[in-house]
Amino acid sequence: MSENQPAVTQATLVKKAAPKSDYKPADVSPQRRVQRSYAIRLWSIRHSRLLEWFYARFADTFLLLHPLWKGIGYGRVEAPVKFIEKRAKGFMFDCRMCGQCILSSTGMSCPMNCPKQLRNGPCGGVRANGNCEVEPDMPCVWVKAWEGSRNMVNGDAILNVQKPVDQSLRETSAWLRVTAQAAMAREAAKTPGASA
């Protein structure tokens, strides 16, 4: 490639490969669409400490509501809670609803956004500019996870090895699952002689 030729971006390749038609997306180029899709996700990573604090309060509140969830039935509240969770986390983190959220361990950078869906660190293909090997216009999820984790109180949690994704939990509420597990652990701690 000569020095005078501009670098070919993914957005350029998408534009060239797209079928030709009279339809044009309303005032959005493929380049701007790619850049816009990461704006909120990157904001969340930059403000990971604030979101860590907020999530701790939110989790405590959700745990206080455990008797309500249990009384109604976790199965019955799954759909409305999942509806809210999917939209809130989708907006903030580009959540893929894997059902096993580890945002608090990954600097508020969702590892499911990695094209390879790596859960324990980056692949060997991170570009020199910190962007993804597969999606050259996208910042590497794990580079951003490390940056976000450095802002957090419990930032060293990024060093914990994560289990592979359990596909049976996909499209389920991580909020309800974590709450039910925390309530069970709290009840087990209150019962003397209870085994884990």
N, C-alpha and C. Protein backbone atom coordinates (compact mmCIF):
# COMPACT_ATOMS: atom_id res chain seq x y z
N MET A 1 0.86 -1.18 0.00
CA MET A 1 0.00 0.00 0.00
C MET A 1 0.90 1.23 0.00
N SER A 2 0.65 2.18 -0.87
CA SER A 2 1.48 3.39 -0.92
C SER A 2 1.08 4.36 0.18
N GLU A 3 1.97 5.31 0.44
CA GLU A 3 1.71 6.26 1.51
C GLU A 3 0.53 7.18 1.21
N ASN A 4 0.24 7.39 -0.07
CA ASN A 4 -0.84 8.31 -0.46
C ASN A 4 -2.22 7.68 -0.37
N GLN A 5 -2.30 6.35 -0.32
CA GLN A 5 -3.60 5.70 -0.26
C GLN A 5 -4.11 5.70 1.18
N PRO A 6 -5.38 6.06 1.39
CA PRO A 6 -5.93 6.02 2.76
C PRO A 6 -6.09 4.57 3.22
N ALA A 7 -6.04 4.37 4.54
CA ALA A 7 -6.24 3.03 5.11
C ALA A 7 -7.67 2.58 4.86
N VAL A 8 -7.82 1.30 4.55
CA VAL A 8 -9.15 0.74 4.31
C VAL A 8 -9.73 0.32 5.65
N THR A 9 -10.87 0.89 6.01
CA THR A 9 -11.52 0.55 7.28
C THR A 9 -12.63 -0.46 7.03
N GLN A 10 -13.11 -1.03 8.11
CA GLN A 10 -14.21 -1.99 8.00
C GLN A 10 -15.45 -1.30 7.42
N ALA A 11 -15.68 -0.08 7.82
CA ALA A 11 -16.85 0.65 7.32
C ALA A 11 -16.78 0.80 5.80
N THR A 12 -15.58 1.05 5.28
CA THR A 12 -15.41 1.18 3.82
C THR A 12 -15.71 -0.14 3.14
N LEU A 13 -15.23 -1.23 3.71
CA LEU A 13 -15.48 -2.55 3.12
C LEU A 13 -16.97 -2.89 3.15
N VAL A 14 -17.64 -2.55 4.25
CA VAL A 14 -19.08 -2.80 4.36
C VAL A 14 -19.83 -2.01 3.29
N LYS A 15 -19.44 -0.77 3.12
CA LYS A 15 -20.11 0.09 2.14
C LYS A 15 -19.94 -0.46 0.73
N LYS A 16 -18.72 -0.92 0.41
CA LYS A 16 -18.46 -1.47 -0.93
C LYS A 16 -19.21 -2.77 -1.16
N ALA A 17 -19.33 -3.60 -0.12
CA ALA A 17 -19.97 -4.91 -0.26
C ALA A 17 -21.50 -4.83 -0.24
N ALA A 18 -22.04 -3.73 0.24
CA ALA A 18 -23.50 -3.59 0.35
C ALA A 18 -24.13 -3.57 -1.03
N PRO A 19 -25.28 -4.23 -1.17
CA PRO A 19 -25.96 -4.19 -2.46
C PRO A 19 -26.38 -2.75 -2.79
N LYS A 20 -26.25 -2.39 -4.03
CA LYS A 20 -26.59 -1.04 -4.48
C LYS A 20 -28.11 -0.90 -4.57
N SER A 21 -28.63 0.15 -3.96
CA SER A 21 -30.07 0.41 -4.03
C SER A 21 -30.30 1.90 -3.81
N ASP A 22 -31.54 2.30 -3.93
CA ASP A 22 -31.89 3.70 -3.71
C ASP A 22 -31.98 4.03 -2.23
N TYR A 23 -32.05 3.00 -1.39
CA TYR A 23 -32.17 3.23 0.05
C TYR A 23 -30.84 3.67 0.64
N LYS A 24 -30.89 4.73 1.42
CA LYS A 24 -29.72 5.19 2.17
C LYS A 24 -30.16 5.41 3.61
N PRO A 25 -29.41 4.90 4.59
CA PRO A 25 -29.79 5.14 5.98
C PRO A 25 -29.89 6.64 6.25
N ALA A 26 -30.85 7.03 7.03
CA ALA A 26 -31.14 8.45 7.28
C ALA A 26 -29.96 9.17 7.90
N ASP A 27 -29.25 9.93 7.11
CA ASP A 27 -28.19 10.83 7.56
C ASP A 27 -27.11 10.16 8.41
N VAL A 28 -26.84 8.87 8.16
CA VAL A 28 -25.81 8.18 8.92
C VAL A 28 -24.94 7.38 7.96
N SER A 29 -23.67 7.69 7.94
CA SER A 29 -22.74 6.92 7.11
C SER A 29 -22.35 5.67 7.88
N PRO A 30 -21.87 4.62 7.19
CA PRO A 30 -21.41 3.44 7.92
C PRO A 30 -20.31 3.79 8.93
N GLN A 31 -19.44 4.74 8.58
CA GLN A 31 -18.36 5.14 9.49
C GLN A 31 -18.93 5.73 10.77
N ARG A 32 -19.88 6.65 10.66
CA ARG A 32 -20.47 7.27 11.85
C ARG A 32 -21.28 6.25 12.65
N ARG A 33 -21.92 5.30 11.95
CA ARG A 33 -22.71 4.29 12.65
C ARG A 33 -21.79 3.43 13.51
N VAL A 34 -20.62 3.06 13.01
CA VAL A 34 -19.66 2.26 13.78
C VAL A 34 -19.18 3.06 14.98
N GLN A 35 -18.81 4.31 14.79
CA GLN A 35 -18.30 5.12 15.89
C GLN A 35 -19.38 5.35 16.94
N ARG A 36 -20.59 5.61 16.53
CA ARG A 36 -21.66 5.90 17.47
C ARG A 36 -21.98 4.70 18.34
N SER A 37 -21.87 3.50 17.81
CA SER A 37 -22.27 2.32 18.56
C SER A 37 -21.41 2.06 19.78
N TYR A 38 -20.21 2.65 19.85
CA TYR A 38 -19.33 2.41 20.98
C TYR A 38 -19.33 3.55 21.99
N ALA A 39 -20.01 4.65 21.72
CA ALA A 39 -19.91 5.84 22.56
C ALA A 39 -20.37 5.59 24.00
N ILE A 40 -21.53 5.01 24.19
CA ILE A 40 -22.04 4.79 25.55
C ILE A 40 -21.22 3.70 26.24
N ARG A 41 -20.86 2.65 25.50
CA ARG A 41 -20.04 1.58 26.07
C ARG A 41 -18.73 2.15 26.60
N LEU A 42 -18.08 3.03 25.85
CA LEU A 42 -16.82 3.62 26.28
C LEU A 42 -17.02 4.57 27.46
N TRP A 43 -18.16 5.28 27.49
CA TRP A 43 -18.48 6.14 28.64
C TRP A 43 -18.58 5.29 29.90
N SER A 44 -19.25 4.15 29.79
CA SER A 44 -19.44 3.26 30.94
C SER A 44 -18.09 2.77 31.48
N ILE A 45 -17.17 2.49 30.60
CA ILE A 45 -15.85 2.02 31.03
C ILE A 45 -15.09 3.16 31.71
N ARG A 46 -15.16 4.35 31.16
CA ARG A 46 -14.47 5.50 31.77
C ARG A 46 -15.04 5.82 33.15
N HIS A 47 -16.31 5.54 33.37
CA HIS A 47 -16.97 5.83 34.64
C HIS A 47 -17.24 4.55 35.44
N SER A 48 -16.34 3.58 35.31
CA SER A 48 -16.54 2.27 35.92
C SER A 48 -16.63 2.34 37.45
N ARG A 49 -15.91 3.25 38.07
CA ARG A 49 -15.96 3.34 39.54
C ARG A 49 -17.34 3.80 40.00
N LEU A 50 -17.89 4.80 39.34
CA LEU A 50 -19.24 5.28 39.67
C LEU A 50 -20.25 4.16 39.45
N LEU A 51 -20.14 3.44 38.35
CA LEU A 51 -21.08 2.36 38.06
C LEU A 51 -20.91 1.19 39.03
N GLU A 52 -19.68 0.95 39.48
CA GLU A 52 -19.43 -0.08 40.50
C GLU A 52 -20.16 0.28 41.79
N TRP A 53 -20.06 1.54 42.20
CA TRP A 53 -20.73 2.02 43.41
C TRP A 53 -22.25 1.89 43.25
N PHE A 54 -22.75 2.35 42.10
CA PHE A 54 -24.19 2.29 41.85
C PHE A 54 -24.69 0.84 41.84
N TYR A 55 -23.94 -0.04 41.20
CA TYR A 55 -24.37 -1.43 41.11
C TYR A 55 -24.42 -2.10 42.49
N ALA A 56 -23.47 -1.76 43.36
CA ALA A 56 -23.48 -2.32 44.72
C ALA A 56 -24.76 -1.92 45.45
N ARG A 57 -25.17 -0.65 45.32
CA ARG A 57 -26.42 -0.19 45.95
C ARG A 57 -27.63 -0.87 45.31
N PHE A 58 -27.59 -0.99 44.00
CA PHE A 58 -28.68 -1.63 43.26
C PHE A 58 -28.82 -3.08 43.68
N ALA A 59 -27.71 -3.81 43.79
CA ALA A 59 -27.74 -5.22 44.19
C ALA A 59 -28.29 -5.37 45.61
N ASP A 60 -27.90 -4.44 46.50
CA ASP A 60 -28.42 -4.48 47.88
C ASP A 60 -29.94 -4.28 47.88
N THR A 61 -30.41 -3.33 47.08
CA THR A 61 -31.85 -3.07 46.99
C THR A 61 -32.58 -4.27 46.43
N PHE A 62 -32.03 -4.87 45.38
CA PHE A 62 -32.65 -6.05 44.78
C PHE A 62 -32.71 -7.20 45.78
N LEU A 63 -31.66 -7.32 46.61
CA LEU A 63 -31.63 -8.37 47.63
C LEU A 63 -32.69 -8.10 48.71
N LEU A 64 -32.89 -6.83 49.05
CA LEU A 64 -33.96 -6.50 50.01
C LEU A 64 -35.33 -6.91 49.48
N LEU A 65 -35.47 -6.90 48.16
CA LEU A 65 -36.74 -7.27 47.53
C LEU A 65 -36.90 -8.78 47.35
N HIS A 66 -35.91 -9.55 47.81
CA HIS A 66 -35.97 -11.02 47.66
C HIS A 66 -37.28 -11.61 48.19
N PRO A 67 -37.78 -11.20 49.36
CA PRO A 67 -39.06 -11.77 49.82
C PRO A 67 -40.20 -11.50 48.82
N LEU A 68 -40.18 -10.33 48.19
CA LEU A 68 -41.20 -10.02 47.19
C LEU A 68 -41.04 -10.93 45.97
N TRP A 69 -39.79 -11.04 45.46
CA TRP A 69 -39.55 -11.90 44.28
C TRP A 69 -39.94 -13.34 44.59
N LYS A 70 -39.59 -13.79 45.80
CA LYS A 70 -39.89 -15.16 46.20
C LYS A 70 -41.39 -15.36 46.36
N GLY A 71 -42.08 -14.35 46.94
CA GLY A 71 -43.53 -14.44 47.13
C GLY A 71 -44.29 -14.49 45.81
N ILE A 72 -43.90 -13.65 44.89
CA ILE A 72 -44.54 -13.64 43.56
C ILE A 72 -44.12 -14.88 42.79
N GLY A 73 -42.86 -15.24 42.96
CA GLY A 73 -42.28 -16.37 42.21
C GLY A 73 -41.26 -15.84 41.22
N TYR A 74 -40.03 -16.30 41.36
CA TYR A 74 -38.97 -15.83 40.46
C TYR A 74 -39.32 -16.08 38.99
N GLY A 75 -40.00 -17.19 38.73
CA GLY A 75 -40.40 -17.50 37.35
C GLY A 75 -41.37 -16.47 36.78
N ARG A 76 -42.24 -15.94 37.63
CA ARG A 76 -43.23 -14.96 37.16
C ARG A 76 -42.62 -13.59 36.92
N VAL A 77 -41.62 -13.21 37.73
CA VAL A 77 -41.04 -11.87 37.55
C VAL A 77 -39.91 -11.87 36.52
N GLU A 78 -39.51 -13.05 36.06
CA GLU A 78 -38.40 -13.15 35.08
C GLU A 78 -38.65 -12.29 33.84
N ALA A 79 -39.81 -12.41 33.23
CA ALA A 79 -40.06 -11.69 31.97
C ALA A 79 -40.00 -10.17 32.14
N PRO A 80 -40.71 -9.56 33.12
CA PRO A 80 -40.63 -8.10 33.23
C PRO A 80 -39.24 -7.61 33.66
N VAL A 81 -38.58 -8.34 34.57
CA VAL A 81 -37.24 -7.92 34.99
C VAL A 81 -36.26 -8.06 33.82
N LYS A 82 -36.37 -9.15 33.08
CA LYS A 82 -35.49 -9.36 31.93
C LYS A 82 -35.70 -8.27 30.88
N PHE A 83 -36.94 -7.85 30.68
CA PHE A 83 -37.25 -6.79 29.72
C PHE A 83 -36.49 -5.51 30.09
N ILE A 84 -36.55 -5.14 31.38
CA ILE A 84 -35.88 -3.92 31.85
C ILE A 84 -34.36 -4.10 31.81
N GLU A 85 -33.89 -5.25 32.29
CA GLU A 85 -32.45 -5.51 32.33
C GLU A 85 -31.84 -5.47 30.93
N LYS A 86 -32.52 -6.08 29.98
CA LYS A 86 -32.00 -6.14 28.61
C LYS A 86 -31.86 -4.74 28.01
N ARG A 87 -32.83 -3.89 28.26
CA ARG A 87 -32.77 -2.54 27.71
C ARG A 87 -31.75 -1.67 28.43
N ALA A 88 -31.72 -1.74 29.75
CA ALA A 88 -30.79 -0.91 30.53
C ALA A 88 -29.34 -1.32 30.25
N LYS A 89 -29.05 -2.61 30.36
CA LYS A 89 -27.68 -3.07 30.13
C LYS A 89 -27.32 -3.03 28.65
N GLY A 90 -28.29 -3.20 27.79
CA GLY A 90 -28.02 -3.08 26.35
C GLY A 90 -27.61 -1.67 25.99
N PHE A 91 -28.28 -0.69 26.57
CA PHE A 91 -27.95 0.72 26.31
C PHE A 91 -26.58 1.08 26.87
N MET A 92 -26.32 0.67 28.12
CA MET A 92 -25.09 1.07 28.79
C MET A 92 -23.85 0.29 28.35
N PHE A 93 -24.01 -1.01 28.11
CA PHE A 93 -22.84 -1.88 27.91
C PHE A 93 -22.89 -2.71 26.64
N ASP A 94 -23.90 -2.52 25.80
CA ASP A 94 -24.12 -3.39 24.64
C ASP A 94 -24.25 -4.85 25.09
N CYS A 95 -25.00 -5.05 26.15
CA CYS A 95 -25.19 -6.36 26.77
C CYS A 95 -25.79 -7.35 25.77
N ARG A 96 -25.31 -8.58 25.82
CA ARG A 96 -25.80 -9.66 24.95
C ARG A 96 -26.70 -10.65 25.70
N MET A 97 -27.03 -10.32 26.97
CA MET A 97 -27.90 -11.16 27.80
C MET A 97 -27.42 -12.61 27.86
N CYS A 98 -26.16 -12.77 28.26
CA CYS A 98 -25.61 -14.12 28.41
C CYS A 98 -26.15 -14.78 29.68
N GLY A 99 -26.68 -13.98 30.62
CA GLY A 99 -27.22 -14.52 31.86
C GLY A 99 -26.17 -14.74 32.93
N GLN A 100 -24.91 -14.44 32.62
CA GLN A 100 -23.81 -14.63 33.57
C GLN A 100 -22.95 -13.39 33.59
N CYS A 101 -23.55 -12.28 33.95
CA CYS A 101 -22.90 -10.97 33.88
C CYS A 101 -21.67 -10.91 34.77
N ILE A 102 -20.55 -10.46 34.18
CA ILE A 102 -19.31 -10.29 34.95
C ILE A 102 -18.77 -8.88 34.78
N LEU A 103 -19.65 -7.92 34.51
CA LEU A 103 -19.23 -6.53 34.31
C LEU A 103 -18.43 -6.00 35.50
N SER A 104 -18.81 -6.39 36.70
CA SER A 104 -18.11 -5.88 37.89
C SER A 104 -16.70 -6.46 37.99
N SER A 105 -16.41 -7.50 37.23
CA SER A 105 -15.06 -8.08 37.21
C SER A 105 -14.25 -7.65 35.99
N THR A 106 -14.89 -6.98 35.06
CA THR A 106 -14.21 -6.64 33.81
C THR A 106 -14.27 -5.15 33.51
N GLY A 107 -14.20 -4.32 34.53
CA GLY A 107 -14.13 -2.88 34.31
C GLY A 107 -15.31 -2.30 33.58
N MET A 108 -16.47 -2.93 33.71
CA MET A 108 -17.71 -2.52 33.05
C MET A 108 -17.63 -2.65 31.52
N SER A 109 -16.73 -3.51 31.05
CA SER A 109 -16.62 -3.82 29.63
C SER A 109 -17.12 -5.25 29.44
N CYS A 110 -18.20 -5.40 28.69
CA CYS A 110 -18.82 -6.72 28.54
C CYS A 110 -17.97 -7.61 27.62
N PRO A 111 -17.46 -8.74 28.13
CA PRO A 111 -16.63 -9.60 27.29
C PRO A 111 -17.41 -10.27 26.16
N MET A 112 -18.74 -10.29 26.26
CA MET A 112 -19.55 -10.89 25.20
C MET A 112 -19.54 -10.02 23.94
N ASN A 113 -19.04 -8.78 24.05
CA ASN A 113 -18.90 -7.93 22.87
C ASN A 113 -17.66 -8.30 22.06
N CYS A 114 -16.79 -9.11 22.62
CA CYS A 114 -15.62 -9.60 21.89
C CYS A 114 -16.13 -10.52 20.78
N PRO A 115 -15.71 -10.30 19.53
CA PRO A 115 -16.19 -11.18 18.45
C PRO A 115 -15.88 -12.66 18.70
N LYS A 116 -14.83 -12.92 19.48
CA LYS A 116 -14.47 -14.30 19.81
C LYS A 116 -15.10 -14.75 21.13
N GLN A 117 -15.79 -13.83 21.80
CA GLN A 117 -16.45 -14.07 23.08
C GLN A 117 -15.50 -14.66 24.12
N LEU A 118 -14.30 -14.10 24.19
CA LEU A 118 -13.30 -14.53 25.16
C LEU A 118 -13.67 -14.00 26.53
N ARG A 119 -13.63 -14.85 27.55
CA ARG A 119 -14.04 -14.46 28.90
C ARG A 119 -12.86 -14.26 29.86
N ASN A 120 -11.64 -14.50 29.41
CA ASN A 120 -10.50 -14.43 30.32
C ASN A 120 -9.31 -13.69 29.73
N GLY A 121 -9.56 -12.61 29.07
CA GLY A 121 -8.47 -11.80 28.54
C GLY A 121 -8.44 -11.78 27.02
N PRO A 122 -7.59 -10.92 26.48
CA PRO A 122 -7.57 -10.72 25.04
C PRO A 122 -6.89 -11.87 24.30
N CYS A 123 -7.19 -11.96 23.03
CA CYS A 123 -6.50 -12.92 22.17
C CYS A 123 -5.13 -12.34 21.81
N GLY A 124 -4.39 -13.03 21.03
CA GLY A 124 -3.07 -12.54 20.63
C GLY A 124 -3.12 -11.58 19.46
N GLY A 125 -4.31 -11.21 19.03
CA GLY A 125 -4.43 -10.39 17.83
C GLY A 125 -4.78 -8.94 18.08
N VAL A 126 -4.62 -8.44 19.30
CA VAL A 126 -4.91 -7.03 19.56
C VAL A 126 -3.97 -6.18 18.73
N ARG A 127 -4.52 -5.22 18.03
CA ARG A 127 -3.70 -4.36 17.17
C ARG A 127 -2.88 -3.38 18.00
N ALA A 128 -1.86 -2.82 17.39
CA ALA A 128 -0.96 -1.89 18.09
C ALA A 128 -1.70 -0.68 18.65
N ASN A 129 -2.80 -0.27 17.98
CA ASN A 129 -3.57 0.87 18.46
C ASN A 129 -4.60 0.48 19.52
N GLY A 130 -4.62 -0.80 19.94
CA GLY A 130 -5.55 -1.25 20.97
C GLY A 130 -6.89 -1.69 20.42
N ASN A 131 -7.03 -1.76 19.11
CA ASN A 131 -8.29 -2.17 18.51
C ASN A 131 -8.31 -3.68 18.27
N CYS A 132 -9.50 -4.16 17.99
CA CYS A 132 -9.77 -5.59 17.82
C CYS A 132 -9.17 -6.12 16.52
N GLU A 133 -8.73 -7.36 16.56
CA GLU A 133 -8.20 -8.04 15.38
C GLU A 133 -9.31 -8.29 14.35
N VAL A 134 -10.48 -8.69 14.83
CA VAL A 134 -11.59 -9.06 13.94
C VAL A 134 -12.35 -7.84 13.46
N GLU A 135 -12.60 -6.89 14.36
CA GLU A 135 -13.32 -5.65 14.05
C GLU A 135 -12.35 -4.48 14.19
N PRO A 136 -11.60 -4.14 13.17
CA PRO A 136 -10.52 -3.15 13.30
C PRO A 136 -10.97 -1.77 13.77
N ASP A 137 -12.24 -1.43 13.60
CA ASP A 137 -12.73 -0.12 14.03
C ASP A 137 -13.16 -0.12 15.49
N MET A 138 -13.20 -1.28 16.12
CA MET A 138 -13.69 -1.40 17.49
C MET A 138 -12.52 -1.51 18.47
N PRO A 139 -12.54 -0.72 19.55
CA PRO A 139 -11.52 -0.91 20.59
C PRO A 139 -11.65 -2.31 21.19
N CYS A 140 -10.51 -2.95 21.43
CA CYS A 140 -10.52 -4.29 22.02
C CYS A 140 -11.26 -4.26 23.35
N VAL A 141 -12.21 -5.14 23.51
CA VAL A 141 -13.02 -5.23 24.72
C VAL A 141 -12.13 -5.42 25.94
N TRP A 142 -11.08 -6.23 25.81
CA TRP A 142 -10.23 -6.55 26.96
C TRP A 142 -9.24 -5.44 27.27
N VAL A 143 -8.80 -4.70 26.27
CA VAL A 143 -7.96 -3.52 26.55
C VAL A 143 -8.78 -2.54 27.36
N LYS A 144 -10.02 -2.32 26.95
CA LYS A 144 -10.91 -1.41 27.68
C LYS A 144 -11.27 -1.97 29.05
N ALA A 145 -11.42 -3.28 29.16
CA ALA A 145 -11.73 -3.90 30.46
C ALA A 145 -10.60 -3.62 31.45
N TRP A 146 -9.37 -3.73 31.00
CA TRP A 146 -8.24 -3.45 31.88
C TRP A 146 -8.25 -1.99 32.32
N GLU A 147 -8.49 -1.08 31.36
CA GLU A 147 -8.55 0.35 31.69
C GLU A 147 -9.65 0.63 32.71
N GLY A 148 -10.82 0.06 32.49
CA GLY A 148 -11.94 0.27 33.42
C GLY A 148 -11.68 -0.33 34.79
N SER A 149 -11.05 -1.49 34.81
CA SER A 149 -10.80 -2.16 36.10
C SER A 149 -9.81 -1.37 36.96
N ARG A 150 -8.93 -0.62 36.34
CA ARG A 150 -7.96 0.17 37.10
C ARG A 150 -8.62 1.32 37.85
N ASN A 151 -9.84 1.70 37.47
CA ASN A 151 -10.58 2.76 38.17
C ASN A 151 -11.40 2.23 39.34
N MET A 152 -11.62 0.92 39.37
CA MET A 152 -12.57 0.35 40.31
C MET A 152 -11.92 -0.04 41.64
N VAL A 153 -12.71 -0.01 42.71
CA VAL A 153 -12.24 -0.42 44.03
C VAL A 153 -11.85 -1.90 44.00
N ASN A 154 -12.69 -2.73 43.40
CA ASN A 154 -12.42 -4.17 43.29
C ASN A 154 -11.88 -4.52 41.92
N GLY A 155 -11.00 -3.67 41.41
CA GLY A 155 -10.48 -3.85 40.06
C GLY A 155 -9.65 -5.09 39.84
N ASP A 156 -9.07 -5.64 40.91
CA ASP A 156 -8.26 -6.85 40.75
C ASP A 156 -9.11 -8.09 40.47
N ALA A 157 -10.41 -7.95 40.52
CA ALA A 157 -11.30 -9.07 40.18
C ALA A 157 -11.13 -9.49 38.72
N ILE A 158 -10.56 -8.60 37.91
CA ILE A 158 -10.32 -8.94 36.51
C ILE A 158 -9.33 -10.09 36.38
N LEU A 159 -8.53 -10.33 37.42
CA LEU A 159 -7.53 -11.41 37.39
C LEU A 159 -8.14 -12.79 37.68
N ASN A 160 -9.40 -12.81 38.17
CA ASN A 160 -10.06 -14.08 38.45
C ASN A 160 -10.39 -14.81 37.15
N VAL A 161 -10.17 -16.11 37.14
CA VAL A 161 -10.48 -16.91 35.96
C VAL A 161 -11.99 -17.14 35.92
N GLN A 162 -12.60 -16.86 34.77
CA GLN A 162 -14.04 -17.01 34.59
C GLN A 162 -14.37 -18.35 33.94
N LYS A 163 -15.49 -18.90 34.32
CA LYS A 163 -15.97 -20.15 33.72
C LYS A 163 -16.46 -19.86 32.30
N PRO A 164 -16.49 -20.88 31.44
CA PRO A 164 -17.07 -20.70 30.11
C PRO A 164 -18.56 -20.34 30.23
N VAL A 165 -19.08 -19.73 29.21
CA VAL A 165 -20.49 -19.33 29.20
C VAL A 165 -21.38 -20.56 29.18
N ASP A 166 -22.34 -20.59 30.08
CA ASP A 166 -23.36 -21.64 30.10
C ASP A 166 -24.48 -21.18 29.18
N GLN A 167 -24.55 -21.77 28.01
CA GLN A 167 -25.52 -21.33 26.99
C GLN A 167 -26.97 -21.51 27.44
N SER A 168 -27.22 -22.38 28.41
CA SER A 168 -28.59 -22.58 28.88
C SER A 168 -29.11 -21.36 29.64
N LEU A 169 -28.21 -20.46 30.07
CA LEU A 169 -28.63 -19.26 30.80
C LEU A 169 -28.82 -18.05 29.89
N ARG A 170 -28.54 -18.21 28.60
CA ARG A 170 -28.69 -17.10 27.67
C ARG A 170 -30.13 -16.60 27.66
N GLU A 171 -30.29 -15.29 27.58
CA GLU A 171 -31.61 -14.62 27.57
C GLU A 171 -32.36 -14.82 28.89
N THR A 172 -31.62 -14.97 29.99
CA THR A 172 -32.24 -14.99 31.31
C THR A 172 -31.70 -13.81 32.12
N SER A 173 -32.35 -13.49 33.22
CA SER A 173 -31.97 -12.34 34.03
C SER A 173 -30.82 -12.68 34.98
N ALA A 174 -29.68 -12.04 34.76
CA ALA A 174 -28.55 -12.19 35.69
C ALA A 174 -28.89 -11.53 37.02
N TRP A 175 -29.65 -10.44 36.99
CA TRP A 175 -30.01 -9.75 38.23
C TRP A 175 -30.76 -10.69 39.18
N LEU A 176 -31.76 -11.39 38.66
CA LEU A 176 -32.55 -12.29 39.50
C LEU A 176 -31.72 -13.49 39.96
N ARG A 177 -30.90 -14.03 39.08
CA ARG A 177 -30.08 -15.19 39.44
C ARG A 177 -29.11 -14.84 40.56
N VAL A 178 -28.42 -13.70 40.43
CA VAL A 178 -27.46 -13.26 41.45
C VAL A 178 -28.18 -12.97 42.77
N THR A 179 -29.36 -12.36 42.69
CA THR A 179 -30.14 -12.07 43.90
C THR A 179 -30.54 -13.35 44.61
N ALA A 180 -31.05 -14.33 43.86
CA ALA A 180 -31.46 -15.60 44.47
C ALA A 180 -30.26 -16.31 45.10
N GLN A 181 -29.11 -16.27 44.43
CA GLN A 181 -27.91 -16.91 44.98
C GLN A 181 -27.44 -16.19 46.25
N ALA A 182 -27.47 -14.86 46.25
CA ALA A 182 -27.06 -14.09 47.42
C ALA A 182 -28.00 -14.34 48.59
N ALA A 183 -29.31 -14.44 48.32
CA ALA A 183 -30.29 -14.71 49.38
C ALA A 183 -30.06 -16.11 49.96
N MET A 184 -29.77 -17.08 49.11
CA MET A 184 -29.52 -18.44 49.57
C MET A 184 -28.25 -18.49 50.43
N ALA A 185 -27.21 -17.77 50.01
CA ALA A 185 -25.96 -17.72 50.78
C ALA A 185 -26.19 -17.04 52.13
N ARG A 186 -27.00 -15.98 52.14
CA ARG A 186 -27.29 -15.27 53.39
C ARG A 186 -28.07 -16.16 54.35
N GLU A 187 -29.05 -16.89 53.81
CA GLU A 187 -29.83 -17.80 54.65
C GLU A 187 -28.98 -18.95 55.17
N ALA A 188 -28.06 -19.45 54.33
CA ALA A 188 -27.18 -20.54 54.77
C ALA A 188 -26.24 -20.08 55.86
N ALA A 189 -25.81 -18.80 55.79
CA ALA A 189 -24.91 -18.26 56.82
C ALA A 189 -25.63 -18.10 58.15
N LYS A 190 -26.94 -17.85 58.11
CA LYS A 190 -27.71 -17.69 59.35
C LYS A 190 -27.99 -19.02 60.01
N THR A 191 -28.03 -20.10 59.23
CA THR A 191 -28.33 -21.43 59.75
C THR A 191 -27.04 -22.09 60.24
N PRO A 192 -26.91 -22.30 61.56
CA PRO A 192 -25.67 -22.93 62.07
C PRO A 192 -25.56 -24.38 61.58
N GLY A 193 -24.36 -24.77 61.20
CA GLY A 193 -24.12 -26.14 60.79
C GLY A 193 -24.55 -26.44 59.37
N ALA A 194 -25.03 -25.41 58.63
CA ALA A 194 -25.45 -25.63 57.24
C ALA A 194 -24.22 -25.80 56.37
N SER A 195 -24.26 -26.76 55.51
CA SER A 195 -23.13 -26.98 54.58
C SER A 195 -23.43 -26.32 53.26
N ALA A 196 -22.37 -25.90 52.56
CA ALA A 196 -22.53 -25.19 51.28
C ALA A 196 -22.88 -26.16 50.19
